[in-house]
Amino acid sequence: MERVSTDTMVRPDSTTDESTSDDTPKFFHYVKKDRIAESAVMGTHVVALCGEVFPVTRSPKPGSPVCPDCKKIYDGLKKGD
């Protein structure tokens, strides 16, 4: 069974990730910024723009891959949404 973990990336709306079997991030997902710290501390789950649900466990590095569905949705949002 493949181990799945998550990561977080902060942007105007933030992101989180699913990891590959070698623990390398597959994608980071956009989530609401105010939910990241709560999830990291309390272990609660966040919901990404694409609908993925997971707990935040790590922070991303610059240049990390972003979920294409989250990016498409995020790019379509108006500032202030």
C-alpha atoms as a PDB file:
ATOM      1  CA  MET A   1       0.000   0.000   0.000  1.00  0.00           C
ATOM      2  CA  GLU A   2       1.395   3.402  -0.983  1.00  0.00           C
ATOM      3  CA  ARG A   3       1.901   5.877   1.843  1.00  0.00           C
ATOM      4  CA  VAL A   4       0.209   9.243   1.241  1.00  0.00           C
ATOM      5  CA  SER A   5       1.216  12.359   3.150  1.00  0.00           C
ATOM      6  CA  THR A   6       0.521  16.040   2.740  1.00  0.00           C
ATOM      7  CA  ASP A   7       2.432  19.326   2.557  1.00  0.00           C
ATOM      8  CA  THR A   8       1.525  22.987   2.693  1.00  0.00           C
ATOM      9  CA  MET A   9       2.452  25.910   0.483  1.00  0.00           C
ATOM     10  CA  VAL A  10       1.459  29.448   1.413  1.00  0.00           C
ATOM     11  CA  ARG A  11       0.141  31.731  -1.335  1.00  0.00           C
ATOM     12  CA  PRO A  12      -2.739  34.224  -1.374  1.00  0.00           C
ATOM     13  CA  ASP A  13      -4.788  31.087  -0.915  1.00  0.00           C
ATOM     14  CA  SER A  14      -2.543  28.286   0.274  1.00  0.00           C
ATOM     15  CA  THR A  15      -1.739  24.765  -0.819  1.00  0.00           C
ATOM     16  CA  THR A  16      -1.058  21.270   0.332  1.00  0.00           C
ATOM     17  CA  ASP A  17       0.208  18.068  -1.225  1.00  0.00           C
ATOM     18  CA  GLU A  18       0.093  14.337  -1.802  1.00  0.00           C
ATOM     19  CA  SER A  19       3.504  12.623  -1.735  1.00  0.00           C
ATOM     20  CA  THR A  20       4.860   9.868  -3.946  1.00  0.00           C
ATOM     21  CA  SER A  21       6.200   6.605  -2.504  1.00  0.00           C
ATOM     22  CA  ASP A  22       9.708   8.108  -2.154  1.00  0.00           C
ATOM     23  CA  ASP A  23       8.230  10.968  -0.055  1.00  0.00           C
ATOM     24  CA  THR A  24       8.718  13.510  -2.853  1.00  0.00           C
ATOM     25  CA  PRO A  25       5.717  15.848  -3.206  1.00  0.00           C
ATOM     26  CA  LYS A  26       3.473  15.026  -6.135  1.00  0.00           C
ATOM     27  CA  PHE A  27       1.348  18.211  -5.984  1.00  0.00           C
ATOM     28  CA  PHE A  28       0.596  21.008  -3.584  1.00  0.00           C
ATOM     29  CA  HIS A  29      -3.057  22.046  -3.323  1.00  0.00           C
ATOM     30  CA  TYR A  30      -4.512  25.513  -2.703  1.00  0.00           C
ATOM     31  CA  VAL A  31      -6.429  25.783   0.575  1.00  0.00           C
ATOM     32  CA  LYS A  32      -7.664  28.684   2.717  1.00  0.00           C
ATOM     33  CA  LYS A  33      -4.722  30.300   4.515  1.00  0.00           C
ATOM     34  CA  ASP A  34      -6.475  30.486   7.875  1.00  0.00           C
ATOM     35  CA  ARG A  35      -6.963  26.697   7.898  1.00  0.00           C
ATOM     36  CA  ILE A  36      -3.285  25.772   7.452  1.00  0.00           C
ATOM     37  CA  ALA A  37      -2.020  26.514  10.972  1.00  0.00           C
ATOM     38  CA  GLU A  38      -5.096  24.943  12.565  1.00  0.00           C
ATOM     39  CA  SER A  39      -4.628  21.789  10.515  1.00  0.00           C
ATOM     40  CA  ALA A  40      -0.890  21.602  11.220  1.00  0.00           C
ATOM     41  CA  VAL A  41      -1.394  22.010  14.982  1.00  0.00           C
ATOM     42  CA  MET A  42      -4.700  20.223  15.565  1.00  0.00           C
ATOM     43  CA  GLY A  43      -4.544  17.636  12.786  1.00  0.00           C
ATOM     44  CA  THR A  44      -7.869  18.766  11.321  1.00  0.00           C
ATOM     45  CA  HIS A  45      -8.450  18.252   7.611  1.00  0.00           C
ATOM     46  CA  VAL A  46      -8.444  21.024   5.009  1.00  0.00           C
ATOM     47  CA  VAL A  47     -10.331  21.098   1.709  1.00  0.00           C
ATOM     48  CA  ALA A  48      -8.385  22.199  -1.383  1.00  0.00           C
ATOM     49  CA  LEU A  49      -9.940  24.223  -4.189  1.00  0.00           C
ATOM     50  CA  CYS A  50     -10.033  21.030  -6.275  1.00  0.00           C
ATOM     51  CA  GLY A  51     -11.938  19.180  -3.527  1.00  0.00           C
ATOM     52  CA  GLU A  52      -9.039  17.097  -2.146  1.00  0.00           C
ATOM     53  CA  VAL A  53      -9.360  16.633   1.652  1.00  0.00           C
ATOM     54  CA  PHE A  54      -6.305  16.005   3.890  1.00  0.00           C
ATOM     55  CA  PRO A  55      -4.453  17.148   7.054  1.00  0.00           C
ATOM     56  CA  VAL A  56      -1.527  19.572   6.656  1.00  0.00           C
ATOM     57  CA  THR A  57       1.775  17.995   7.683  1.00  0.00           C
ATOM     58  CA  ARG A  58       4.580  19.870   5.860  1.00  0.00           C
ATOM     59  CA  SER A  59       5.604  23.121   4.189  1.00  0.00           C
ATOM     60  CA  PRO A  60       6.606  23.267   0.518  1.00  0.00           C
ATOM     61  CA  LYS A  61       9.778  24.602  -0.994  1.00  0.00           C
ATOM     62  CA  PRO A  62       9.837  27.268  -3.736  1.00  0.00           C
ATOM     63  CA  GLY A  63       9.156  25.752  -7.144  1.00  0.00           C
ATOM     64  CA  SER A  64       7.123  22.854  -5.753  1.00  0.00           C
ATOM     65  CA  PRO A  65       4.554  21.419  -8.207  1.00  0.00           C
ATOM     66  CA  VAL A  66       1.012  22.770  -7.849  1.00  0.00           C
ATOM     67  CA  CYS A  67      -2.139  20.743  -8.513  1.00  0.00           C
ATOM     68  CA  PRO A  68      -3.275  21.762 -12.026  1.00  0.00           C
ATOM     69  CA  ASP A  69      -6.958  21.738 -10.994  1.00  0.00           C
ATOM     70  CA  CYS A  70      -6.305  24.002  -7.981  1.00  0.00           C
ATOM     71  CA  LYS A  71      -4.203  26.367 -10.112  1.00  0.00           C
ATOM     72  CA  LYS A  72      -6.909  26.606 -12.769  1.00  0.00           C
ATOM     73  CA  ILE A  73      -9.566  27.401 -10.141  1.00  0.00           C
ATOM     74  CA  TYR A  74      -7.293  29.832  -8.288  1.00  0.00           C
ATOM     75  CA  ASP A  75      -6.376  31.678 -11.489  1.00  0.00           C
ATOM     76  CA  GLY A  76     -10.100  32.051 -12.249  1.00  0.00           C
ATOM     77  CA  LEU A  77     -10.899  33.680  -8.905  1.00  0.00           C
ATOM     78  CA  LYS A  78     -11.226  37.440  -8.643  1.00  0.00           C
ATOM     79  CA  LYS A  79      -8.995  39.239  -6.141  1.00  0.00           C
ATOM     80  CA  GLY A  80     -10.768  39.380  -2.807  1.00  0.00           C
ATOM     81  CA  ASP A  81     -12.735  36.124  -3.323  1.00  0.00           C
END
